[in-house]
Amino acid sequence: MVEEICRFCGRVAIKTSRGYSLCRYHLLAYDNLHSAYEAWKERLGELTWGNFLRKASELPDTGAWVKDIALAELQKEQ
């Protein structure tokens, strides 16, 4: 059996989600990014996924794993 490898960091991937093979750290970042988007939309009203990803990736407190996911999702948007 061939092991899946995280496309971002090369660690062993434990799950494939939305077209990505992700390690547990990037999978958690992916889930957190989607949860944060829902919270932001609730507070701000209309907010597109692309605008959210841009804002989240530019925040200094956003972690590297979340930025990896945000930037990959932005590329998919284009």
PDB file of N, CA and C in Angstrom:
ATOM      1  N   MET A   1       0.840  -1.180   0.000  1.00  0.00           N
ATOM      2  CA  MET A   1       0.000   0.000   0.000  1.00  0.00           C
ATOM      3  C   MET A   1       0.887   1.245   0.000  1.00  0.00           C
ATOM      4  N   VAL A   2       0.551   2.198  -0.836  1.00  0.00           N
ATOM      5  CA  VAL A   2       1.303   3.444  -0.936  1.00  0.00           C
ATOM      6  C   VAL A   2       0.757   4.434   0.083  1.00  0.00           C
ATOM      7  N   GLU A   3       1.643   5.016   0.860  1.00  0.00           N
ATOM      8  CA  GLU A   3       1.218   6.017   1.837  1.00  0.00           C
ATOM      9  C   GLU A   3       0.973   7.346   1.146  1.00  0.00           C
ATOM     10  N   GLU A   4      -0.052   8.021   1.591  1.00  0.00           N
ATOM     11  CA  GLU A   4      -0.298   9.387   1.127  1.00  0.00           C
ATOM     12  C   GLU A   4       0.690  10.307   1.832  1.00  0.00           C
ATOM     13  N   ILE A   5       1.132  11.323   1.121  1.00  0.00           N
ATOM     14  CA  ILE A   5       2.069  12.303   1.672  1.00  0.00           C
ATOM     15  C   ILE A   5       1.412  13.680   1.610  1.00  0.00           C
ATOM     16  N   CYS A   6       1.544  14.441   2.673  1.00  0.00           N
ATOM     17  CA  CYS A   6       0.988  15.791   2.731  1.00  0.00           C
ATOM     18  C   CYS A   6       1.611  16.641   1.629  1.00  0.00           C
ATOM     19  N   ARG A   7       0.787  17.267   0.849  1.00  0.00           N
ATOM     20  CA  ARG A   7       1.288  18.066  -0.266  1.00  0.00           C
ATOM     21  C   ARG A   7       2.026  19.322   0.190  1.00  0.00           C
ATOM     22  N   PHE A   8       1.866  19.698   1.444  1.00  0.00           N
ATOM     23  CA  PHE A   8       2.490  20.914   1.934  1.00  0.00           C
ATOM     24  C   PHE A   8       3.810  20.683   2.657  1.00  0.00           C
ATOM     25  N   CYS A   9       3.897  19.599   3.417  1.00  0.00           N
ATOM     26  CA  CYS A   9       5.088  19.447   4.258  1.00  0.00           C
ATOM     27  C   CYS A   9       5.790  18.102   4.107  1.00  0.00           C
ATOM     28  N   GLY A  10       5.192  17.171   3.372  1.00  0.00           N
ATOM     29  CA  GLY A  10       5.827  15.875   3.160  1.00  0.00           C
ATOM     30  C   GLY A  10       5.626  14.860   4.266  1.00  0.00           C
ATOM     31  N   ARG A  11       4.896  15.239   5.329  1.00  0.00           N
ATOM     32  CA  ARG A  11       4.582  14.263   6.376  1.00  0.00           C
ATOM     33  C   ARG A  11       3.583  13.252   5.830  1.00  0.00           C
ATOM     34  N   VAL A  12       3.467  12.157   6.531  1.00  0.00           N
ATOM     35  CA  VAL A  12       2.478  11.147   6.161  1.00  0.00           C
ATOM     36  C   VAL A  12       1.084  11.763   6.319  1.00  0.00           C
ATOM     37  N   ALA A  13       0.278  11.602   5.290  1.00  0.00           N
ATOM     38  CA  ALA A  13      -1.081  12.140   5.313  1.00  0.00           C
ATOM     39  C   ALA A  13      -2.006  11.108   5.950  1.00  0.00           C
ATOM     40  N   ILE A  14      -2.848  11.572   6.825  1.00  0.00           N
ATOM     41  CA  ILE A  14      -3.771  10.658   7.489  1.00  0.00           C
ATOM     42  C   ILE A  14      -5.161  10.709   6.881  1.00  0.00           C
ATOM     43  N   LYS A  15      -5.395  11.693   5.987  1.00  0.00           N
ATOM     44  CA  LYS A  15      -6.713  11.819   5.388  1.00  0.00           C
ATOM     45  C   LYS A  15      -6.586  12.677   4.134  1.00  0.00           C
ATOM     46  N   THR A  16      -7.376  12.357   3.158  1.00  0.00           N
ATOM     47  CA  THR A  16      -7.451  13.198   1.969  1.00  0.00           C
ATOM     48  C   THR A  16      -8.735  13.999   2.065  1.00  0.00           C
ATOM     49  N   SER A  17      -8.622  15.305   1.975  1.00  0.00           N
ATOM     50  CA  SER A  17      -9.773  16.170   2.147  1.00  0.00           C
ATOM     51  C   SER A  17      -9.813  17.217   1.039  1.00  0.00           C
ATOM     52  N   ARG A  18     -10.933  17.293   0.365  1.00  0.00           N
ATOM     53  CA  ARG A  18     -11.147  18.309  -0.660  1.00  0.00           C
ATOM     54  C   ARG A  18     -10.034  18.367  -1.703  1.00  0.00           C
ATOM     55  N   GLY A  19      -9.561  17.208  -2.103  1.00  0.00           N
ATOM     56  CA  GLY A  19      -8.545  17.165  -3.135  1.00  0.00           C
ATOM     57  C   GLY A  19      -7.119  17.263  -2.639  1.00  0.00           C
ATOM     58  N   TYR A  20      -6.934  17.412  -1.348  1.00  0.00           N
ATOM     59  CA  TYR A  20      -5.601  17.505  -0.775  1.00  0.00           C
ATOM     60  C   TYR A  20      -5.297  16.256   0.043  1.00  0.00           C
ATOM     61  N   SER A  21      -4.063  15.806  -0.021  1.00  0.00           N
ATOM     62  CA  SER A  21      -3.579  14.830   0.951  1.00  0.00           C
ATOM     63  C   SER A  21      -2.931  15.652   2.051  1.00  0.00           C
ATOM     64  N   LEU A  22      -3.452  15.523   3.267  1.00  0.00           N
ATOM     65  CA  LEU A  22      -3.020  16.394   4.361  1.00  0.00           C
ATOM     66  C   LEU A  22      -2.538  15.598   5.562  1.00  0.00           C
ATOM     67  N   CYS A  23      -1.469  16.095   6.184  1.00  0.00           N
ATOM     68  CA  CYS A  23      -1.034  15.543   7.462  1.00  0.00           C
ATOM     69  C   CYS A  23      -2.019  16.013   8.528  1.00  0.00           C
ATOM     70  N   ARG A  24      -1.875  15.507   9.723  1.00  0.00           N
ATOM     71  CA  ARG A  24      -2.827  15.883  10.774  1.00  0.00           C
ATOM     72  C   ARG A  24      -2.776  17.372  11.098  1.00  0.00           C
ATOM     73  N   TYR A  25      -1.601  18.000  10.954  1.00  0.00           N
ATOM     74  CA  TYR A  25      -1.468  19.427  11.255  1.00  0.00           C
ATOM     75  C   TYR A  25      -2.164  20.287  10.200  1.00  0.00           C
ATOM     76  N   HIS A  26      -1.953  19.955   8.932  1.00  0.00           N
ATOM     77  CA  HIS A  26      -2.597  20.717   7.868  1.00  0.00           C
ATOM     78  C   HIS A  26      -4.097  20.421   7.798  1.00  0.00           C
ATOM     79  N   LEU A  27      -4.503  19.225   8.162  1.00  0.00           N
ATOM     80  CA  LEU A  27      -5.928  18.909   8.215  1.00  0.00           C
ATOM     81  C   LEU A  27      -6.618  19.733   9.294  1.00  0.00           C
ATOM     82  N   LEU A  28      -5.990  19.848  10.442  1.00  0.00           N
ATOM     83  CA  LEU A  28      -6.534  20.680  11.517  1.00  0.00           C
ATOM     84  C   LEU A  28      -6.585  22.144  11.076  1.00  0.00           C
ATOM     85  N   ALA A  29      -5.543  22.602  10.398  1.00  0.00           N
ATOM     86  CA  ALA A  29      -5.516  23.980   9.893  1.00  0.00           C
ATOM     87  C   ALA A  29      -6.658  24.194   8.890  1.00  0.00           C
ATOM     88  N   TYR A  30      -6.881  23.213   8.026  1.00  0.00           N
ATOM     89  CA  TYR A  30      -7.953  23.295   7.039  1.00  0.00           C
ATOM     90  C   TYR A  30      -9.304  23.423   7.738  1.00  0.00           C
ATOM     91  N   ASP A  31      -9.536  22.562   8.711  1.00  0.00           N
ATOM     92  CA  ASP A  31     -10.803  22.601   9.450  1.00  0.00           C
ATOM     93  C   ASP A  31     -10.970  23.922  10.203  1.00  0.00           C
ATOM     94  N   ASN A  32      -9.894  24.397  10.821  1.00  0.00           N
ATOM     95  CA  ASN A  32      -9.957  25.667  11.555  1.00  0.00           C
ATOM     96  C   ASN A  32     -10.229  26.844  10.623  1.00  0.00           C
ATOM     97  N   LEU A  33      -9.650  26.812   9.431  1.00  0.00           N
ATOM     98  CA  LEU A  33      -9.866  27.876   8.466  1.00  0.00           C
ATOM     99  C   LEU A  33     -11.340  27.938   8.063  1.00  0.00           C
ATOM    100  N   HIS A  34     -11.946  26.783   7.818  1.00  0.00           N
ATOM    101  CA  HIS A  34     -13.361  26.762   7.455  1.00  0.00           C
ATOM    102  C   HIS A  34     -14.247  27.204   8.616  1.00  0.00           C
ATOM    103  N   SER A  35     -13.900  26.829   9.827  1.00  0.00           N
ATOM    104  CA  SER A  35     -14.676  27.266  10.997  1.00  0.00           C
ATOM    105  C   SER A  35     -14.569  28.772  11.181  1.00  0.00           C
ATOM    106  N   ALA A  36     -13.378  29.300  10.993  1.00  0.00           N
ATOM    107  CA  ALA A  36     -13.164  30.742  11.127  1.00  0.00           C
ATOM    108  C   ALA A  36     -13.953  31.504  10.063  1.00  0.00           C
ATOM    109  N   TYR A  37     -14.000  30.959   8.858  1.00  0.00           N
ATOM    110  CA  TYR A  37     -14.758  31.610   7.783  1.00  0.00           C
ATOM    111  C   TYR A  37     -16.229  31.733   8.165  1.00  0.00           C
ATOM    112  N   GLU A  38     -16.786  30.670   8.689  1.00  0.00           N
ATOM    113  CA  GLU A  38     -18.193  30.711   9.099  1.00  0.00           C
ATOM    114  C   GLU A  38     -18.412  31.758  10.195  1.00  0.00           C
ATOM    115  N   ALA A  39     -17.493  31.837  11.142  1.00  0.00           N
ATOM    116  CA  ALA A  39     -17.605  32.820  12.232  1.00  0.00           C
ATOM    117  C   ALA A  39     -17.485  34.251  11.683  1.00  0.00           C
ATOM    118  N   TRP A  40     -16.544  34.473  10.785  1.00  0.00           N
ATOM    119  CA  TRP A  40     -16.371  35.807  10.184  1.00  0.00           C
ATOM    120  C   TRP A  40     -17.621  36.199   9.404  1.00  0.00           C
ATOM    121  N   LYS A  41     -18.168  35.265   8.618  1.00  0.00           N
ATOM    122  CA  LYS A  41     -19.371  35.562   7.828  1.00  0.00           C
ATOM    123  C   LYS A  41     -20.528  35.934   8.743  1.00  0.00           C
ATOM    124  N   GLU A  42     -20.636  35.230   9.843  1.00  0.00           N
ATOM    125  CA  GLU A  42     -21.719  35.505  10.787  1.00  0.00           C
ATOM    126  C   GLU A  42     -21.607  36.922  11.349  1.00  0.00           C
ATOM    127  N   ARG A  43     -20.389  37.340  11.641  1.00  0.00           N
ATOM    128  CA  ARG A  43     -20.169  38.662  12.232  1.00  0.00           C
ATOM    129  C   ARG A  43     -20.201  39.792  11.209  1.00  0.00           C
ATOM    130  N   LEU A  44     -19.643  39.546  10.021  1.00  0.00           N
ATOM    131  CA  LEU A  44     -19.487  40.608   9.035  1.00  0.00           C
ATOM    132  C   LEU A  44     -20.568  40.624   7.965  1.00  0.00           C
ATOM    133  N   GLY A  45     -21.366  39.585   7.902  1.00  0.00           N
ATOM    134  CA  GLY A  45     -22.359  39.505   6.835  1.00  0.00           C
ATOM    135  C   GLY A  45     -21.723  38.932   5.579  1.00  0.00           C
ATOM    136  N   GLU A  46     -21.910  39.607   4.476  1.00  0.00           N
ATOM    137  CA  GLU A  46     -21.385  39.135   3.200  1.00  0.00           C
ATOM    138  C   GLU A  46     -19.863  39.145   3.195  1.00  0.00           C
ATOM    139  N   LEU A  47     -19.285  37.996   2.990  1.00  0.00           N
ATOM    140  CA  LEU A  47     -17.835  37.854   2.891  1.00  0.00           C
ATOM    141  C   LEU A  47     -17.565  36.655   2.000  1.00  0.00           C
ATOM    142  N   THR A  48     -16.896  36.908   0.888  1.00  0.00           N
ATOM    143  CA  THR A  48     -16.605  35.794  -0.015  1.00  0.00           C
ATOM    144  C   THR A  48     -15.456  34.968   0.540  1.00  0.00           C
ATOM    145  N   TRP A  49     -15.407  33.726   0.119  1.00  0.00           N
ATOM    146  CA  TRP A  49     -14.338  32.817   0.515  1.00  0.00           C
ATOM    147  C   TRP A  49     -12.983  33.397   0.099  1.00  0.00           C
ATOM    148  N   GLY A  50     -12.897  33.927  -1.115  1.00  0.00           N
ATOM    149  CA  GLY A  50     -11.644  34.496  -1.601  1.00  0.00           C
ATOM    150  C   GLY A  50     -11.180  35.684  -0.773  1.00  0.00           C
ATOM    151  N   ASN A  51     -12.089  36.593  -0.444  1.00  0.00           N
ATOM    152  CA  ASN A  51     -11.717  37.751   0.385  1.00  0.00           C
ATOM    153  C   ASN A  51     -11.283  37.318   1.774  1.00  0.00           C
ATOM    154  N   PHE A  52     -11.995  36.344   2.320  1.00  0.00           N
ATOM    155  CA  PHE A  52     -11.607  35.827   3.633  1.00  0.00           C
ATOM    156  C   PHE A  52     -10.207  35.226   3.584  1.00  0.00           C
ATOM    157  N   LEU A  53      -9.936  34.428   2.561  1.00  0.00           N
ATOM    158  CA  LEU A  53      -8.622  33.792   2.443  1.00  0.00           C
ATOM    159  C   LEU A  53      -7.509  34.826   2.335  1.00  0.00           C
ATOM    160  N   ARG A  54      -7.746  35.879   1.561  1.00  0.00           N
ATOM    161  CA  ARG A  54      -6.742  36.953   1.441  1.00  0.00           C
ATOM    162  C   ARG A  54      -6.486  37.609   2.794  1.00  0.00           C
ATOM    163  N   LYS A  55      -7.560  37.962   3.471  1.00  0.00           N
ATOM    164  CA  LYS A  55      -7.413  38.618   4.774  1.00  0.00           C
ATOM    165  C   LYS A  55      -6.714  37.704   5.784  1.00  0.00           C
ATOM    166  N   ALA A  56      -7.152  36.456   5.842  1.00  0.00           N
ATOM    167  CA  ALA A  56      -6.574  35.509   6.802  1.00  0.00           C
ATOM    168  C   ALA A  56      -5.098  35.271   6.524  1.00  0.00           C
ATOM    169  N   SER A  57      -4.722  35.183   5.260  1.00  0.00           N
ATOM    170  CA  SER A  57      -3.319  34.911   4.929  1.00  0.00           C
ATOM    171  C   SER A  57      -2.411  36.105   5.199  1.00  0.00           C
ATOM    172  N   GLU A  58      -2.987  37.304   5.309  1.00  0.00           N
ATOM    173  CA  GLU A  58      -2.194  38.508   5.562  1.00  0.00           C
ATOM    174  C   GLU A  58      -2.063  38.850   7.047  1.00  0.00           C
ATOM    175  N   LEU A  59      -2.873  38.244   7.886  1.00  0.00           N
ATOM    176  CA  LEU A  59      -2.811  38.546   9.320  1.00  0.00           C
ATOM    177  C   LEU A  59      -1.510  38.020   9.920  1.00  0.00           C
ATOM    178  N   PRO A  60      -0.833  38.839  10.717  1.00  0.00           N
ATOM    179  CA  PRO A  60       0.444  38.389  11.290  1.00  0.00           C
ATOM    180  C   PRO A  60       0.300  37.229  12.273  1.00  0.00           C
ATOM    181  N   ASP A  61      -0.867  37.076  12.880  1.00  0.00           N
ATOM    182  CA  ASP A  61      -1.070  35.996  13.851  1.00  0.00           C
ATOM    183  C   ASP A  61      -1.527  34.684  13.221  1.00  0.00           C
ATOM    184  N   THR A  62      -1.760  34.689  11.924  1.00  0.00           N
ATOM    185  CA  THR A  62      -2.161  33.462  11.246  1.00  0.00           C
ATOM    186  C   THR A  62      -0.961  32.530  11.163  1.00  0.00           C
ATOM    187  N   GLY A  63      -1.157  31.294  11.574  1.00  0.00           N
ATOM    188  CA  GLY A  63      -0.067  30.318  11.597  1.00  0.00           C
ATOM    189  C   GLY A  63       0.340  29.852  10.205  1.00  0.00           C
ATOM    190  N   ALA A  64       1.517  29.300  10.126  1.00  0.00           N
ATOM    191  CA  ALA A  64       2.089  28.864   8.848  1.00  0.00           C
ATOM    192  C   ALA A  64       1.238  27.779   8.184  1.00  0.00           C
ATOM    193  N   TRP A  65       0.714  26.841   8.947  1.00  0.00           N
ATOM    194  CA  TRP A  65      -0.080  25.764   8.363  1.00  0.00           C
ATOM    195  C   TRP A  65      -1.375  26.305   7.773  1.00  0.00           C
ATOM    196  N   VAL A  66      -2.000  27.243   8.481  1.00  0.00           N
ATOM    197  CA  VAL A  66      -3.227  27.860   7.965  1.00  0.00           C
ATOM    198  C   VAL A  66      -2.904  28.667   6.711  1.00  0.00           C
ATOM    199  N   LYS A  67      -1.793  29.377   6.724  1.00  0.00           N
ATOM    200  CA  LYS A  67      -1.402  30.145   5.531  1.00  0.00           C
ATOM    201  C   LYS A  67      -1.161  29.224   4.344  1.00  0.00           C
ATOM    202  N   ASP A  68      -0.563  28.060   4.578  1.00  0.00           N
ATOM    203  CA  ASP A  68      -0.365  27.092   3.491  1.00  0.00           C
ATOM    204  C   ASP A  68      -1.703  26.758   2.831  1.00  0.00           C
ATOM    205  N   ILE A  69      -2.687  26.454   3.650  1.00  0.00           N
ATOM    206  CA  ILE A  69      -4.005  26.078   3.145  1.00  0.00           C
ATOM    207  C   ILE A  69      -4.676  27.266   2.460  1.00  0.00           C
ATOM    208  N   ALA A  70      -4.628  28.446   3.100  1.00  0.00           N
ATOM    209  CA  ALA A  70      -5.273  29.637   2.541  1.00  0.00           C
ATOM    210  C   ALA A  70      -4.699  29.973   1.166  1.00  0.00           C
ATOM    211  N   LEU A  71      -3.402  29.928   1.026  1.00  0.00           N
ATOM    212  CA  LEU A  71      -2.778  30.261  -0.253  1.00  0.00           C
ATOM    213  C   LEU A  71      -3.108  29.227  -1.325  1.00  0.00           C
ATOM    214  N   ALA A  72      -3.164  27.962  -0.951  1.00  0.00           N
ATOM    215  CA  ALA A  72      -3.546  26.909  -1.907  1.00  0.00           C
ATOM    216  C   ALA A  72      -5.004  27.093  -2.344  1.00  0.00           C
ATOM    217  N   GLU A  73      -5.872  27.428  -1.412  1.00  0.00           N
ATOM    218  CA  GLU A  73      -7.277  27.660  -1.743  1.00  0.00           C
ATOM    219  C   GLU A  73      -7.421  28.895  -2.641  1.00  0.00           C
ATOM    220  N   LEU A  74      -6.625  29.922  -2.386  1.00  0.00           N
ATOM    221  CA  LEU A  74      -6.652  31.109  -3.244  1.00  0.00           C
ATOM    222  C   LEU A  74      -6.242  30.755  -4.679  1.00  0.00           C
ATOM    223  N   GLN A  75      -5.260  29.908  -4.812  1.00  0.00           N
ATOM    224  CA  GLN A  75      -4.837  29.483  -6.147  1.00  0.00           C
ATOM    225  C   GLN A  75      -5.967  28.739  -6.855  1.00  0.00           C
ATOM    226  N   LYS A  76      -6.708  27.935  -6.120  1.00  0.00           N
ATOM    227  CA  LYS A  76      -7.846  27.218  -6.705  1.00  0.00           C
ATOM    228  C   LYS A  76      -8.927  28.203  -7.169  1.00  0.00           C
ATOM    229  N   GLU A  77      -9.052  29.332  -6.466  1.00  0.00           N
ATOM    230  CA  GLU A  77     -10.059  30.335  -6.800  1.00  0.00           C
ATOM    231  C   GLU A  77      -9.770  31.017  -8.137  1.00  0.00           C
ATOM    232  N   GLN A  78      -8.512  31.086  -8.511  1.00  0.00           N
ATOM    233  CA  GLN A  78      -8.133  31.808  -9.734  1.00  0.00           C
ATOM    234  C   GLN A  78      -8.243  30.981 -10.958  1.00  0.00           C
TER     235      GLN A  78
END
